[in-house]
Amino acid sequence: MTGPGLTRRGLLGRSAGLAGMLAAGACRQADGTGDDLAGAARAAGAERLVVEHYRSTSTLAAQGRLGAAIPEAFIRVVTTATVHHQDHLDAWTTLLAGAGRSPGAAPVGMGPAMELAAGRVTDVPAAATMALRLEDYLAQTYLALVPSLRAPAAITLAGQMLIVDAQHQAVLRYLVGLPPVGSGVARDAADLAPAEPRLALISG
């Protein structure tokens, strides 16, 4: 798990630059579109919490609170995912700023659900499982968001982020010993998560 597939560029492609370009276009096209701006605000709030969680996970690992031996693959995944989610947050923030809006709060209940799950994280497998659940929740959030958007650039932006979240899930599933396809922590590779995001995807 130390080959080019786990580098920042190799793991999930060049999503950061694309997100920036799409956000610039979305700013022009989504100005005044209430549904787009409301969805962008919710997405920004969710991404902010996920960035904070990944950074907290990095701190726990550095402090040895996830065990003495931390796999390099896990560190690379956490580091890469942090960068990607910060890029996503920046893209939504740019879109909102272009319309004179500020990032909104995360979906109701997301913060408490994350706190509950984080309290059970004491080692790398638990940390990877929680990250998987967060990525699953975000993916379902974007899947539900896309049909409500109107501006083509905003739709593309959300769709690209959905793909990145799915790629994160594939790597995390591999790390915790699950098939690389499917959803969440289900062991059936044919299982698909519901289109409606549920907080149970985070807290388990």
N, C-alpha and C. Protein backbone atom coordinates (compact mmCIF):
# COMPACT_ATOMS: atom_id res chain seq x y z
N MET A 1 0.82 -1.21 0.00
CA MET A 1 0.00 0.00 0.00
C MET A 1 0.86 1.26 0.00
N THR A 2 2.09 1.17 -0.50
CA THR A 2 2.93 2.36 -0.51
C THR A 2 3.26 2.82 -1.92
N GLY A 3 2.61 2.24 -2.94
CA GLY A 3 2.88 2.60 -4.32
C GLY A 3 2.22 3.92 -4.69
N PRO A 4 2.28 4.29 -6.00
CA PRO A 4 1.75 5.57 -6.45
C PRO A 4 0.26 5.71 -6.24
N GLY A 5 -0.45 4.60 -6.06
CA GLY A 5 -1.89 4.69 -5.86
C GLY A 5 -2.28 5.37 -4.57
N LEU A 6 -1.33 5.55 -3.64
CA LEU A 6 -1.67 6.18 -2.38
C LEU A 6 -1.00 7.54 -2.21
N THR A 7 -0.45 8.08 -3.27
CA THR A 7 0.07 9.44 -3.20
C THR A 7 -1.07 10.41 -3.38
N ARG A 8 -0.84 11.69 -3.04
CA ARG A 8 -1.92 12.67 -3.13
C ARG A 8 -2.47 12.76 -4.55
N ARG A 9 -1.59 12.70 -5.55
CA ARG A 9 -2.05 12.81 -6.92
C ARG A 9 -2.57 11.49 -7.44
N GLY A 10 -1.86 10.40 -7.08
CA GLY A 10 -2.22 9.11 -7.63
C GLY A 10 -3.46 8.51 -7.02
N LEU A 11 -3.72 8.78 -5.75
CA LEU A 11 -4.83 8.15 -5.06
C LEU A 11 -6.16 8.51 -5.68
N LEU A 12 -6.40 9.78 -5.86
CA LEU A 12 -7.72 10.23 -6.30
C LEU A 12 -7.66 11.22 -7.44
N GLY A 13 -6.57 11.28 -8.17
CA GLY A 13 -6.52 12.16 -9.31
C GLY A 13 -6.32 13.61 -8.93
N ARG A 14 -6.64 14.48 -9.84
CA ARG A 14 -6.42 15.92 -9.65
C ARG A 14 -7.73 16.62 -9.35
N SER A 15 -8.42 16.19 -8.31
CA SER A 15 -9.73 16.75 -8.00
C SER A 15 -9.65 18.19 -7.52
N ALA A 16 -8.52 18.58 -6.91
CA ALA A 16 -8.43 19.92 -6.34
C ALA A 16 -8.51 21.00 -7.39
N GLY A 17 -7.70 20.89 -8.46
CA GLY A 17 -7.72 21.91 -9.50
C GLY A 17 -9.07 21.96 -10.19
N LEU A 18 -9.65 20.80 -10.46
CA LEU A 18 -10.95 20.75 -11.10
C LEU A 18 -12.01 21.38 -10.22
N ALA A 19 -11.95 21.11 -8.92
CA ALA A 19 -12.94 21.70 -8.00
C ALA A 19 -12.86 23.21 -8.03
N GLY A 20 -11.64 23.75 -8.11
CA GLY A 20 -11.49 25.19 -8.14
C GLY A 20 -12.08 25.79 -9.40
N MET A 21 -11.83 25.16 -10.55
CA MET A 21 -12.38 25.67 -11.80
C MET A 21 -13.90 25.59 -11.81
N LEU A 22 -14.43 24.46 -11.31
CA LEU A 22 -15.88 24.31 -11.28
C LEU A 22 -16.53 25.31 -10.35
N ALA A 23 -15.87 25.57 -9.21
CA ALA A 23 -16.43 26.53 -8.27
C ALA A 23 -16.51 27.91 -8.88
N ALA A 24 -15.48 28.29 -9.66
CA ALA A 24 -15.50 29.60 -10.31
C ALA A 24 -16.66 29.71 -11.28
N GLY A 25 -16.89 28.62 -12.04
CA GLY A 25 -18.02 28.62 -12.96
C GLY A 25 -19.34 28.61 -12.23
N ALA A 26 -19.41 27.87 -11.15
CA ALA A 26 -20.65 27.78 -10.38
C ALA A 26 -21.01 29.12 -9.76
N CYS A 27 -19.99 29.88 -9.38
CA CYS A 27 -20.25 31.21 -8.81
C CYS A 27 -21.01 32.07 -9.80
N ARG A 28 -20.61 31.97 -11.09
CA ARG A 28 -21.27 32.79 -12.11
C ARG A 28 -22.67 32.29 -12.40
N GLN A 29 -22.84 30.95 -12.37
CA GLN A 29 -24.11 30.39 -12.79
C GLN A 29 -25.12 30.24 -11.66
N ALA A 30 -24.64 30.12 -10.40
CA ALA A 30 -25.54 29.82 -9.29
C ALA A 30 -26.00 31.07 -8.56
N ASP A 31 -25.47 32.25 -8.96
CA ASP A 31 -25.83 33.48 -8.28
C ASP A 31 -27.34 33.68 -8.32
N GLY A 32 -27.95 33.78 -7.16
CA GLY A 32 -29.38 34.01 -7.08
C GLY A 32 -30.21 32.75 -7.11
N THR A 33 -29.59 31.58 -7.27
CA THR A 33 -30.32 30.33 -7.27
C THR A 33 -30.39 29.80 -5.84
N GLY A 34 -31.55 29.99 -5.20
CA GLY A 34 -31.68 29.67 -3.78
C GLY A 34 -31.37 28.23 -3.45
N ASP A 35 -31.88 27.29 -4.26
CA ASP A 35 -31.63 25.88 -3.97
C ASP A 35 -30.15 25.55 -4.04
N ASP A 36 -29.45 26.10 -5.03
CA ASP A 36 -28.02 25.84 -5.16
C ASP A 36 -27.25 26.38 -3.96
N LEU A 37 -27.58 27.60 -3.56
CA LEU A 37 -26.86 28.23 -2.46
C LEU A 37 -27.14 27.54 -1.13
N ALA A 38 -28.38 27.13 -0.92
CA ALA A 38 -28.71 26.42 0.32
C ALA A 38 -27.98 25.08 0.37
N GLY A 39 -27.95 24.38 -0.76
CA GLY A 39 -27.25 23.10 -0.81
C GLY A 39 -25.76 23.28 -0.62
N ALA A 40 -25.20 24.31 -1.23
CA ALA A 40 -23.77 24.59 -1.08
C ALA A 40 -23.43 24.91 0.37
N ALA A 41 -24.30 25.64 1.05
CA ALA A 41 -24.05 25.99 2.45
C ALA A 41 -24.04 24.74 3.32
N ARG A 42 -25.00 23.83 3.10
CA ARG A 42 -25.03 22.59 3.89
C ARG A 42 -23.79 21.74 3.60
N ALA A 43 -23.42 21.66 2.32
CA ALA A 43 -22.25 20.87 1.95
C ALA A 43 -20.99 21.44 2.57
N ALA A 44 -20.87 22.76 2.57
CA ALA A 44 -19.69 23.40 3.16
C ALA A 44 -19.62 23.10 4.65
N GLY A 45 -20.75 23.15 5.32
CA GLY A 45 -20.77 22.85 6.75
C GLY A 45 -20.35 21.42 7.04
N ALA A 46 -20.81 20.49 6.21
CA ALA A 46 -20.44 19.09 6.39
C ALA A 46 -18.96 18.88 6.12
N GLU A 47 -18.46 19.50 5.04
CA GLU A 47 -17.04 19.35 4.70
C GLU A 47 -16.15 19.93 5.80
N ARG A 48 -16.58 21.02 6.41
CA ARG A 48 -15.79 21.63 7.48
C ARG A 48 -15.62 20.65 8.64
N LEU A 49 -16.70 19.98 9.03
CA LEU A 49 -16.61 19.01 10.13
C LEU A 49 -15.71 17.84 9.76
N VAL A 50 -15.79 17.39 8.52
CA VAL A 50 -14.97 16.26 8.10
C VAL A 50 -13.49 16.64 8.08
N VAL A 51 -13.18 17.85 7.60
CA VAL A 51 -11.79 18.31 7.63
C VAL A 51 -11.28 18.34 9.07
N GLU A 52 -12.08 18.88 9.98
CA GLU A 52 -11.68 18.95 11.38
C GLU A 52 -11.44 17.54 11.94
N HIS A 53 -12.31 16.59 11.54
CA HIS A 53 -12.15 15.23 12.05
C HIS A 53 -10.86 14.60 11.54
N TYR A 54 -10.58 14.75 10.26
CA TYR A 54 -9.35 14.16 9.71
C TYR A 54 -8.11 14.77 10.36
N ARG A 55 -8.14 16.07 10.61
CA ARG A 55 -7.01 16.71 11.27
C ARG A 55 -6.86 16.19 12.70
N SER A 56 -7.99 15.98 13.37
CA SER A 56 -7.95 15.42 14.72
C SER A 56 -7.38 14.00 14.70
N THR A 57 -7.74 13.23 13.68
CA THR A 57 -7.22 11.88 13.56
C THR A 57 -5.71 11.90 13.38
N SER A 58 -5.22 12.83 12.56
CA SER A 58 -3.78 12.96 12.37
C SER A 58 -3.08 13.28 13.69
N THR A 59 -3.71 14.13 14.50
CA THR A 59 -3.13 14.49 15.79
C THR A 59 -3.09 13.28 16.72
N LEU A 60 -4.18 12.53 16.75
CA LEU A 60 -4.22 11.32 17.59
C LEU A 60 -3.13 10.35 17.19
N ALA A 61 -2.94 10.17 15.89
CA ALA A 61 -1.91 9.25 15.40
C ALA A 61 -0.53 9.74 15.81
N ALA A 62 -0.28 11.04 15.66
CA ALA A 62 1.03 11.61 16.00
C ALA A 62 1.32 11.49 17.49
N GLN A 63 0.28 11.53 18.30
CA GLN A 63 0.44 11.43 19.75
C GLN A 63 0.50 9.99 20.24
N GLY A 64 0.39 9.03 19.32
CA GLY A 64 0.43 7.64 19.70
C GLY A 64 -0.85 7.13 20.33
N ARG A 65 -1.93 7.87 20.19
CA ARG A 65 -3.19 7.48 20.83
C ARG A 65 -4.01 6.52 19.98
N LEU A 66 -3.48 6.14 18.81
CA LEU A 66 -4.12 5.11 17.98
C LEU A 66 -3.26 3.86 17.93
N GLY A 67 -2.30 3.79 18.83
CA GLY A 67 -1.40 2.64 18.85
C GLY A 67 0.02 3.07 18.54
N ALA A 68 0.95 2.22 18.88
CA ALA A 68 2.36 2.57 18.70
C ALA A 68 2.80 2.46 17.25
N ALA A 69 2.24 1.51 16.52
CA ALA A 69 2.63 1.29 15.12
C ALA A 69 1.49 1.72 14.21
N ILE A 70 1.66 2.83 13.51
CA ILE A 70 0.63 3.34 12.60
C ILE A 70 1.04 2.99 11.18
N PRO A 71 0.24 2.22 10.45
CA PRO A 71 0.58 1.87 9.07
C PRO A 71 0.76 3.12 8.21
N GLU A 72 1.79 3.11 7.37
CA GLU A 72 2.04 4.25 6.50
C GLU A 72 0.85 4.48 5.56
N ALA A 73 0.22 3.40 5.13
CA ALA A 73 -0.92 3.55 4.22
C ALA A 73 -2.04 4.34 4.87
N PHE A 74 -2.28 4.12 6.15
CA PHE A 74 -3.34 4.84 6.86
C PHE A 74 -3.01 6.33 6.93
N ILE A 75 -1.76 6.65 7.25
CA ILE A 75 -1.34 8.05 7.34
C ILE A 75 -1.52 8.73 5.99
N ARG A 76 -1.16 8.04 4.93
CA ARG A 76 -1.28 8.63 3.59
C ARG A 76 -2.73 8.88 3.23
N VAL A 77 -3.59 7.93 3.56
CA VAL A 77 -5.01 8.11 3.26
C VAL A 77 -5.58 9.30 4.02
N VAL A 78 -5.27 9.39 5.31
CA VAL A 78 -5.78 10.50 6.12
C VAL A 78 -5.25 11.83 5.60
N THR A 79 -3.96 11.88 5.29
CA THR A 79 -3.37 13.12 4.79
C THR A 79 -3.99 13.55 3.48
N THR A 80 -4.15 12.60 2.56
CA THR A 80 -4.72 12.90 1.26
C THR A 80 -6.17 13.32 1.37
N ALA A 81 -6.94 12.59 2.18
CA ALA A 81 -8.35 12.92 2.34
C ALA A 81 -8.53 14.30 2.96
N THR A 82 -7.64 14.66 3.89
CA THR A 82 -7.72 15.99 4.50
C THR A 82 -7.57 17.07 3.43
N VAL A 83 -6.59 16.89 2.55
CA VAL A 83 -6.35 17.87 1.48
C VAL A 83 -7.57 17.95 0.56
N HIS A 84 -8.10 16.81 0.17
CA HIS A 84 -9.24 16.81 -0.74
C HIS A 84 -10.47 17.47 -0.12
N HIS A 85 -10.75 17.15 1.13
CA HIS A 85 -11.94 17.74 1.75
C HIS A 85 -11.77 19.23 2.01
N GLN A 86 -10.53 19.66 2.27
CA GLN A 86 -10.28 21.10 2.38
C GLN A 86 -10.51 21.77 1.03
N ASP A 87 -10.08 21.10 -0.05
CA ASP A 87 -10.35 21.62 -1.39
C ASP A 87 -11.85 21.74 -1.64
N HIS A 88 -12.60 20.73 -1.20
CA HIS A 88 -14.06 20.77 -1.38
C HIS A 88 -14.67 21.92 -0.60
N LEU A 89 -14.22 22.07 0.64
CA LEU A 89 -14.71 23.17 1.47
C LEU A 89 -14.39 24.51 0.81
N ASP A 90 -13.18 24.65 0.30
CA ASP A 90 -12.80 25.90 -0.35
C ASP A 90 -13.65 26.16 -1.60
N ALA A 91 -13.94 25.10 -2.34
CA ALA A 91 -14.74 25.26 -3.55
C ALA A 91 -16.15 25.75 -3.22
N TRP A 92 -16.78 25.14 -2.22
CA TRP A 92 -18.13 25.59 -1.83
C TRP A 92 -18.08 26.99 -1.25
N THR A 93 -17.03 27.29 -0.49
CA THR A 93 -16.90 28.63 0.09
C THR A 93 -16.76 29.68 -1.01
N THR A 94 -16.00 29.34 -2.06
CA THR A 94 -15.84 30.25 -3.19
C THR A 94 -17.16 30.48 -3.91
N LEU A 95 -17.90 29.40 -4.10
CA LEU A 95 -19.21 29.51 -4.74
C LEU A 95 -20.13 30.43 -3.93
N LEU A 96 -20.16 30.21 -2.64
CA LEU A 96 -21.04 31.01 -1.78
C LEU A 96 -20.58 32.46 -1.72
N ALA A 97 -19.27 32.67 -1.65
CA ALA A 97 -18.75 34.04 -1.58
C ALA A 97 -19.11 34.81 -2.85
N GLY A 98 -19.11 34.12 -3.99
CA GLY A 98 -19.45 34.77 -5.25
C GLY A 98 -20.89 35.26 -5.28
N ALA A 99 -21.73 34.67 -4.43
CA ALA A 99 -23.13 35.08 -4.34
C ALA A 99 -23.40 35.90 -3.09
N GLY A 100 -22.31 36.29 -2.40
CA GLY A 100 -22.47 37.11 -1.20
C GLY A 100 -22.95 36.33 0.01
N ARG A 101 -22.71 35.04 0.02
CA ARG A 101 -23.13 34.20 1.14
C ARG A 101 -21.91 33.66 1.89
N SER A 102 -22.15 33.23 3.12
CA SER A 102 -21.10 32.59 3.91
C SER A 102 -21.47 31.13 4.14
N PRO A 103 -20.48 30.26 4.41
CA PRO A 103 -20.78 28.84 4.65
C PRO A 103 -21.76 28.66 5.79
N GLY A 104 -22.66 27.72 5.63
CA GLY A 104 -23.67 27.48 6.65
C GLY A 104 -23.25 26.39 7.62
N ALA A 105 -24.20 26.00 8.45
CA ALA A 105 -23.95 24.94 9.43
C ALA A 105 -24.06 23.57 8.76
N ALA A 106 -23.45 22.58 9.39
CA ALA A 106 -23.53 21.21 8.89
C ALA A 106 -24.95 20.70 9.06
N PRO A 107 -25.31 19.63 8.35
CA PRO A 107 -26.64 19.03 8.52
C PRO A 107 -26.94 18.78 9.99
N VAL A 108 -28.17 19.02 10.39
CA VAL A 108 -28.59 18.86 11.78
C VAL A 108 -28.26 17.45 12.28
N GLY A 109 -27.59 17.39 13.42
CA GLY A 109 -27.28 16.10 14.02
C GLY A 109 -25.94 15.52 13.61
N MET A 110 -25.32 16.08 12.57
CA MET A 110 -24.06 15.50 12.10
C MET A 110 -22.96 15.64 13.14
N GLY A 111 -22.84 16.81 13.76
CA GLY A 111 -21.82 17.02 14.78
C GLY A 111 -21.94 16.06 15.95
N PRO A 112 -23.12 15.95 16.56
CA PRO A 112 -23.28 15.00 17.67
C PRO A 112 -23.00 13.56 17.27
N ALA A 113 -23.43 13.17 16.06
CA ALA A 113 -23.19 11.81 15.61
C ALA A 113 -21.69 11.55 15.48
N MET A 114 -20.95 12.54 14.99
CA MET A 114 -19.51 12.40 14.86
C MET A 114 -18.84 12.31 16.22
N GLU A 115 -19.31 13.10 17.18
CA GLU A 115 -18.73 13.06 18.53
C GLU A 115 -18.96 11.70 19.17
N LEU A 116 -20.15 11.15 18.97
CA LEU A 116 -20.46 9.83 19.52
C LEU A 116 -19.54 8.78 18.94
N ALA A 117 -19.37 8.81 17.62
CA ALA A 117 -18.52 7.82 16.96
C ALA A 117 -17.06 8.02 17.33
N ALA A 118 -16.61 9.26 17.41
CA ALA A 118 -15.21 9.54 17.71
C ALA A 118 -14.82 9.06 19.10
N GLY A 119 -15.77 9.03 20.01
CA GLY A 119 -15.49 8.57 21.36
C GLY A 119 -15.12 7.10 21.43
N ARG A 120 -15.42 6.36 20.36
CA ARG A 120 -15.10 4.94 20.33
C ARG A 120 -13.82 4.64 19.54
N VAL A 121 -13.16 5.67 19.06
CA VAL A 121 -11.95 5.48 18.26
C VAL A 121 -10.72 5.42 19.16
N THR A 122 -10.15 4.23 19.27
CA THR A 122 -8.96 4.05 20.12
C THR A 122 -7.81 3.37 19.38
N ASP A 123 -8.03 2.97 18.14
CA ASP A 123 -6.95 2.34 17.37
C ASP A 123 -7.17 2.61 15.89
N VAL A 124 -6.26 2.14 15.06
CA VAL A 124 -6.31 2.41 13.63
C VAL A 124 -7.53 1.78 12.96
N PRO A 125 -7.86 0.51 13.24
CA PRO A 125 -9.07 -0.05 12.61
C PRO A 125 -10.32 0.76 12.92
N ALA A 126 -10.47 1.21 14.16
CA ALA A 126 -11.64 2.00 14.52
C ALA A 126 -11.62 3.35 13.81
N ALA A 127 -10.43 3.95 13.69
CA ALA A 127 -10.31 5.24 13.02
C ALA A 127 -10.63 5.11 11.54
N ALA A 128 -10.15 4.04 10.91
CA ALA A 128 -10.42 3.82 9.50
C ALA A 128 -11.91 3.54 9.27
N THR A 129 -12.52 2.81 10.18
CA THR A 129 -13.95 2.51 10.06
C THR A 129 -14.78 3.78 10.18
N MET A 130 -14.42 4.66 11.12
CA MET A 130 -15.16 5.90 11.25
C MET A 130 -14.98 6.77 10.02
N ALA A 131 -13.76 6.83 9.50
CA ALA A 131 -13.53 7.60 8.28
C ALA A 131 -14.37 7.06 7.14
N LEU A 132 -14.48 5.75 7.06
CA LEU A 132 -15.30 5.12 6.03
C LEU A 132 -16.76 5.53 6.17
N ARG A 133 -17.25 5.55 7.41
CA ARG A 133 -18.63 5.94 7.64
C ARG A 133 -18.87 7.40 7.27
N LEU A 134 -17.90 8.26 7.57
CA LEU A 134 -18.03 9.66 7.21
C LEU A 134 -18.05 9.84 5.70
N GLU A 135 -17.17 9.14 5.01
CA GLU A 135 -17.14 9.24 3.56
C GLU A 135 -18.44 8.72 2.95
N ASP A 136 -18.97 7.67 3.53
CA ASP A 136 -20.24 7.12 3.07
C ASP A 136 -21.36 8.14 3.26
N TYR A 137 -21.38 8.77 4.42
CA TYR A 137 -22.41 9.77 4.71
C TYR A 137 -22.31 10.95 3.73
N LEU A 138 -21.08 11.42 3.50
CA LEU A 138 -20.89 12.53 2.57
C LEU A 138 -21.33 12.14 1.17
N ALA A 139 -20.98 10.93 0.75
CA ALA A 139 -21.37 10.48 -0.58
C ALA A 139 -22.89 10.47 -0.73
N GLN A 140 -23.58 9.97 0.29
CA GLN A 140 -25.04 9.93 0.23
C GLN A 140 -25.62 11.35 0.27
N THR A 141 -24.95 12.24 0.99
CA THR A 141 -25.40 13.63 1.05
C THR A 141 -25.33 14.26 -0.34
N TYR A 142 -24.22 14.03 -1.04
CA TYR A 142 -24.08 14.58 -2.39
C TYR A 142 -25.03 13.91 -3.37
N LEU A 143 -25.24 12.62 -3.19
CA LEU A 143 -26.17 11.90 -4.07
C LEU A 143 -27.58 12.48 -3.95
N ALA A 144 -27.95 12.85 -2.73
CA ALA A 144 -29.27 13.44 -2.50
C ALA A 144 -29.30 14.91 -2.95
N LEU A 145 -28.14 15.58 -2.91
CA LEU A 145 -28.08 17.00 -3.24
C LEU A 145 -28.18 17.26 -4.74
N VAL A 146 -27.54 16.43 -5.54
CA VAL A 146 -27.44 16.69 -6.98
C VAL A 146 -28.80 16.97 -7.64
N PRO A 147 -29.86 16.18 -7.38
CA PRO A 147 -31.13 16.45 -8.07
C PRO A 147 -31.75 17.80 -7.72
N SER A 148 -31.34 18.41 -6.61
CA SER A 148 -31.93 19.68 -6.20
C SER A 148 -31.20 20.88 -6.81
N LEU A 149 -30.05 20.64 -7.41
CA LEU A 149 -29.26 21.73 -7.97
C LEU A 149 -29.73 22.09 -9.37
N ARG A 150 -29.51 23.34 -9.77
CA ARG A 150 -29.94 23.81 -11.08
C ARG A 150 -28.80 24.23 -11.98
N ALA A 151 -27.82 24.93 -11.43
CA ALA A 151 -26.70 25.40 -12.24
C ALA A 151 -25.83 24.22 -12.67
N PRO A 152 -25.53 24.08 -13.96
CA PRO A 152 -24.72 22.94 -14.42
C PRO A 152 -23.38 22.83 -13.71
N ALA A 153 -22.72 23.97 -13.45
CA ALA A 153 -21.42 23.90 -12.79
C ALA A 153 -21.55 23.40 -11.36
N ALA A 154 -22.63 23.80 -10.67
CA ALA A 154 -22.84 23.34 -9.30
C ALA A 154 -23.13 21.84 -9.28
N ILE A 155 -23.89 21.38 -10.26
CA ILE A 155 -24.19 19.95 -10.36
C ILE A 155 -22.90 19.16 -10.60
N THR A 156 -22.07 19.66 -11.50
CA THR A 156 -20.81 18.99 -11.80
C THR A 156 -19.89 18.98 -10.58
N LEU A 157 -19.86 20.10 -9.87
CA LEU A 157 -19.02 20.19 -8.67
C LEU A 157 -19.44 19.14 -7.64
N ALA A 158 -20.73 19.05 -7.35
CA ALA A 158 -21.22 18.06 -6.38
C ALA A 158 -20.95 16.65 -6.88
N GLY A 159 -21.13 16.44 -8.20
CA GLY A 159 -20.88 15.11 -8.75
C GLY A 159 -19.43 14.69 -8.64
N GLN A 160 -18.52 15.64 -8.88
CA GLN A 160 -17.11 15.32 -8.74
C GLN A 160 -16.76 14.98 -7.30
N MET A 161 -17.34 15.70 -6.36
CA MET A 161 -17.07 15.42 -4.95
C MET A 161 -17.63 14.06 -4.54
N LEU A 162 -18.78 13.71 -5.10
CA LEU A 162 -19.35 12.39 -4.85
C LEU A 162 -18.39 11.30 -5.31
N ILE A 163 -17.77 11.50 -6.47
CA ILE A 163 -16.83 10.51 -6.99
C ILE A 163 -15.60 10.40 -6.10
N VAL A 164 -15.09 11.54 -5.63
CA VAL A 164 -13.93 11.52 -4.74
C VAL A 164 -14.26 10.79 -3.45
N ASP A 165 -15.45 11.04 -2.89
CA ASP A 165 -15.85 10.35 -1.67
C ASP A 165 -15.93 8.84 -1.90
N ALA A 166 -16.42 8.45 -3.07
CA ALA A 166 -16.50 7.02 -3.38
C ALA A 166 -15.11 6.41 -3.49
N GLN A 167 -14.16 7.17 -4.04
CA GLN A 167 -12.78 6.69 -4.13
C GLN A 167 -12.16 6.55 -2.73
N HIS A 168 -12.44 7.53 -1.88
CA HIS A 168 -11.97 7.42 -0.50
C HIS A 168 -12.49 6.14 0.13
N GLN A 169 -13.78 5.87 -0.09
CA GLN A 169 -14.39 4.68 0.50
C GLN A 169 -13.70 3.41 0.01
N ALA A 170 -13.39 3.36 -1.28
CA ALA A 170 -12.77 2.15 -1.84
C ALA A 170 -11.45 1.84 -1.13
N VAL A 171 -10.62 2.88 -0.90
CA VAL A 171 -9.34 2.68 -0.24
C VAL A 171 -9.54 2.30 1.23
N LEU A 172 -10.45 2.99 1.90
CA LEU A 172 -10.69 2.71 3.32
C LEU A 172 -11.28 1.31 3.51
N ARG A 173 -12.16 0.91 2.61
CA ARG A 173 -12.72 -0.44 2.70
C ARG A 173 -11.61 -1.48 2.59
N TYR A 174 -10.67 -1.24 1.69
CA TYR A 174 -9.54 -2.15 1.54
C TYR A 174 -8.73 -2.23 2.82
N LEU A 175 -8.51 -1.07 3.45
CA LEU A 175 -7.70 -1.03 4.67
C LEU A 175 -8.35 -1.78 5.82
N VAL A 176 -9.69 -1.80 5.88
CA VAL A 176 -10.36 -2.48 6.99
C VAL A 176 -10.78 -3.90 6.61
N GLY A 177 -10.33 -4.37 5.43
CA GLY A 177 -10.59 -5.76 5.06
C GLY A 177 -11.92 -6.02 4.42
N LEU A 178 -12.52 -4.99 3.78
CA LEU A 178 -13.79 -5.16 3.09
C LEU A 178 -13.57 -5.10 1.59
N PRO A 179 -14.51 -5.63 0.80
CA PRO A 179 -14.40 -5.48 -0.65
C PRO A 179 -14.33 -3.99 -1.00
N PRO A 180 -13.59 -3.62 -2.04
CA PRO A 180 -13.44 -2.20 -2.38
C PRO A 180 -14.67 -1.54 -2.96
N VAL A 181 -15.72 -2.34 -3.24
CA VAL A 181 -16.96 -1.76 -3.73
C VAL A 181 -18.06 -2.00 -2.71
N GLY A 182 -19.18 -1.35 -2.89
CA GLY A 182 -20.26 -1.46 -1.92
C GLY A 182 -20.35 -0.16 -1.15
N SER A 183 -20.89 -0.23 0.04
CA SER A 183 -21.15 1.00 0.77
C SER A 183 -20.96 0.80 2.25
N GLY A 184 -20.43 1.83 2.91
CA GLY A 184 -20.30 1.80 4.36
C GLY A 184 -19.49 0.61 4.85
N VAL A 185 -19.96 -0.03 5.93
CA VAL A 185 -19.24 -1.15 6.51
C VAL A 185 -19.90 -2.49 6.17
N ALA A 186 -20.88 -2.46 5.25
CA ALA A 186 -21.53 -3.70 4.85
C ALA A 186 -20.53 -4.61 4.16
N ARG A 187 -20.58 -5.90 4.45
CA ARG A 187 -19.61 -6.83 3.86
C ARG A 187 -20.07 -7.37 2.52
N ASP A 188 -21.31 -7.13 2.15
CA ASP A 188 -21.82 -7.60 0.88
C ASP A 188 -21.43 -6.59 -0.20
N ALA A 189 -20.60 -7.03 -1.15
CA ALA A 189 -20.13 -6.11 -2.18
C ALA A 189 -21.27 -5.56 -3.03
N ALA A 190 -22.41 -6.24 -3.05
CA ALA A 190 -23.54 -5.79 -3.86
C ALA A 190 -24.43 -4.81 -3.11
N ASP A 191 -24.14 -4.62 -1.81
CA ASP A 191 -24.98 -3.74 -1.00
C ASP A 191 -24.80 -2.29 -1.40
N LEU A 192 -25.89 -1.55 -1.49
CA LEU A 192 -25.84 -0.13 -1.80
C LEU A 192 -26.49 0.64 -0.68
N ALA A 193 -25.89 1.77 -0.31
CA ALA A 193 -26.47 2.60 0.74
C ALA A 193 -27.71 3.29 0.21
N PRO A 194 -28.64 3.66 1.09
CA PRO A 194 -29.84 4.37 0.65
C PRO A 194 -29.48 5.75 0.10
N ALA A 195 -30.30 6.25 -0.81
CA ALA A 195 -30.03 7.57 -1.39
C ALA A 195 -30.23 8.68 -0.37
N GLU A 196 -31.00 8.40 0.68
CA GLU A 196 -31.23 9.38 1.72
C GLU A 196 -30.14 9.28 2.78
N PRO A 197 -29.33 10.33 2.97
CA PRO A 197 -28.25 10.24 3.96
C PRO A 197 -28.81 10.05 5.37
N ARG A 198 -28.23 9.13 6.10
CA ARG A 198 -28.67 8.85 7.47
C ARG A 198 -27.52 9.03 8.43
N LEU A 199 -27.79 9.59 9.59
CA LEU A 199 -26.74 9.79 10.59
C LEU A 199 -26.21 8.46 11.09
N ALA A 200 -27.00 7.38 10.98
CA ALA A 200 -26.53 6.07 11.39
C ALA A 200 -25.33 5.63 10.56
N LEU A 201 -25.16 6.22 9.36
CA LEU A 201 -23.99 5.91 8.56
C LEU A 201 -22.72 6.38 9.25
N ILE A 202 -22.84 7.35 10.16
CA ILE A 202 -21.68 7.86 10.88
C ILE A 202 -21.50 7.13 12.21
N SER A 203 -22.57 7.07 13.00
CA SER A 203 -22.45 6.56 14.36
C SER A 203 -22.48 5.04 14.43
N GLY A 204 -22.96 4.38 13.36
CA GLY A 204 -22.91 2.92 13.32
C GLY A 204 -24.01 2.28 14.13
